[in-house]
Amino acid sequence: MLAVRERMEEVSAGIKAELGDAPWLGVFTFGEQGVPAGGEAKHGNLMISCTMFSADKL
């Protein structure tokens, strides 16, 4: 969020454009560590994570 602070309205509007009226929670982390396909650890910086909530049963 520190890198996009001045553009938070754009970030929110972009997520809302994709999710519509669905409630969501955004989390800004300092970067994620993970092992994608290929087996080599990678670092993803400036990630925006989003969790969407639904009353629908799967």
C-alpha atoms as a PDB file:
ATOM      1  CA  MET A   1       0.000   0.000   0.000  1.00  0.00           C
ATOM      2  CA  LEU A   2       2.908   2.334   0.618  1.00  0.00           C
ATOM      3  CA  ALA A   3       3.720   2.294  -3.096  1.00  0.00           C
ATOM      4  CA  VAL A   4       0.122   2.969  -4.233  1.00  0.00           C
ATOM      5  CA  ARG A   5      -1.089   5.120  -1.330  1.00  0.00           C
ATOM      6  CA  GLU A   6      -1.902   8.078  -3.596  1.00  0.00           C
ATOM      7  CA  ARG A   7      -3.933   5.797  -5.896  1.00  0.00           C
ATOM      8  CA  MET A   8      -5.926   3.767  -3.363  1.00  0.00           C
ATOM      9  CA  GLU A   9      -9.214   4.950  -4.885  1.00  0.00           C
ATOM     10  CA  GLU A  10      -8.103   3.453  -8.217  1.00  0.00           C
ATOM     11  CA  VAL A  11      -7.134   0.166  -6.560  1.00  0.00           C
ATOM     12  CA  SER A  12     -10.498  -0.036  -4.806  1.00  0.00           C
ATOM     13  CA  ALA A  13     -12.394   0.914  -7.978  1.00  0.00           C
ATOM     14  CA  GLY A  14     -10.554  -1.754  -9.986  1.00  0.00           C
ATOM     15  CA  ILE A  15     -11.412  -4.481  -7.492  1.00  0.00           C
ATOM     16  CA  LYS A  16     -15.019  -3.277  -7.290  1.00  0.00           C
ATOM     17  CA  ALA A  17     -15.253  -3.300 -11.110  1.00  0.00           C
ATOM     18  CA  GLU A  18     -14.336  -7.004 -11.095  1.00  0.00           C
ATOM     19  CA  LEU A  19     -16.327  -8.114  -8.033  1.00  0.00           C
ATOM     20  CA  GLY A  20     -19.390  -5.897  -8.351  1.00  0.00           C
ATOM     21  CA  ASP A  21     -21.289  -5.518  -5.096  1.00  0.00           C
ATOM     22  CA  ALA A  22     -19.766  -8.616  -3.463  1.00  0.00           C
ATOM     23  CA  PRO A  23     -18.227  -7.812  -0.068  1.00  0.00           C
ATOM     24  CA  TRP A  24     -14.437  -8.114  -0.028  1.00  0.00           C
ATOM     25  CA  LEU A  25     -11.464  -7.634   2.214  1.00  0.00           C
ATOM     26  CA  GLY A  26      -8.119  -6.444   0.884  1.00  0.00           C
ATOM     27  CA  VAL A  27      -4.780  -7.148   2.511  1.00  0.00           C
ATOM     28  CA  PHE A  28      -1.508  -5.459   1.641  1.00  0.00           C
ATOM     29  CA  THR A  29       1.562  -7.469   2.484  1.00  0.00           C
ATOM     30  CA  PHE A  30       5.238  -6.694   2.086  1.00  0.00           C
ATOM     31  CA  GLY A  31       5.715  -9.522  -0.415  1.00  0.00           C
ATOM     32  CA  GLU A  32       5.039 -13.215  -0.577  1.00  0.00           C
ATOM     33  CA  GLN A  33       7.429 -16.123  -0.675  1.00  0.00           C
ATOM     34  CA  GLY A  34       6.368 -19.240  -2.485  1.00  0.00           C
ATOM     35  CA  VAL A  35       7.343 -22.126  -4.706  1.00  0.00           C
ATOM     36  CA  PRO A  36       5.427 -21.985  -8.000  1.00  0.00           C
ATOM     37  CA  ALA A  37       5.529 -24.690 -10.650  1.00  0.00           C
ATOM     38  CA  GLY A  38       9.161 -25.404 -11.400  1.00  0.00           C
ATOM     39  CA  GLY A  39      10.252 -25.907  -7.801  1.00  0.00           C
ATOM     40  CA  GLU A  40      12.298 -22.743  -7.301  1.00  0.00           C
ATOM     41  CA  ALA A  41      11.437 -20.317  -4.489  1.00  0.00           C
ATOM     42  CA  LYS A  42      10.286 -16.913  -5.733  1.00  0.00           C
ATOM     43  CA  HIS A  43       9.486 -13.584  -4.101  1.00  0.00           C
ATOM     44  CA  GLY A  44       6.486 -11.548  -5.260  1.00  0.00           C
ATOM     45  CA  ASN A  45       6.705  -7.936  -4.166  1.00  0.00           C
ATOM     46  CA  LEU A  46       3.921  -5.339  -3.894  1.00  0.00           C
ATOM     47  CA  MET A  47       1.160  -7.924  -3.938  1.00  0.00           C
ATOM     48  CA  ILE A  48      -2.501  -7.109  -3.295  1.00  0.00           C
ATOM     49  CA  SER A  49      -4.543  -9.980  -1.876  1.00  0.00           C
ATOM     50  CA  CYS A  50      -8.322 -10.044  -1.889  1.00  0.00           C
ATOM     51  CA  THR A  51     -10.785 -12.325  -0.100  1.00  0.00           C
ATOM     52  CA  MET A  52     -14.380 -12.336  -1.287  1.00  0.00           C
ATOM     53  CA  PHE A  53     -17.283 -13.359   0.944  1.00  0.00           C
ATOM     54  CA  SER A  54     -20.399 -15.132  -0.291  1.00  0.00           C
ATOM     55  CA  ALA A  55     -23.535 -16.607   1.241  1.00  0.00           C
ATOM     56  CA  ASP A  56     -23.758 -19.145  -1.625  1.00  0.00           C
ATOM     57  CA  LYS A  57     -23.252 -22.792  -0.700  1.00  0.00           C
ATOM     58  CA  LEU A  58     -20.887 -24.779  -2.861  1.00  0.00           C
END
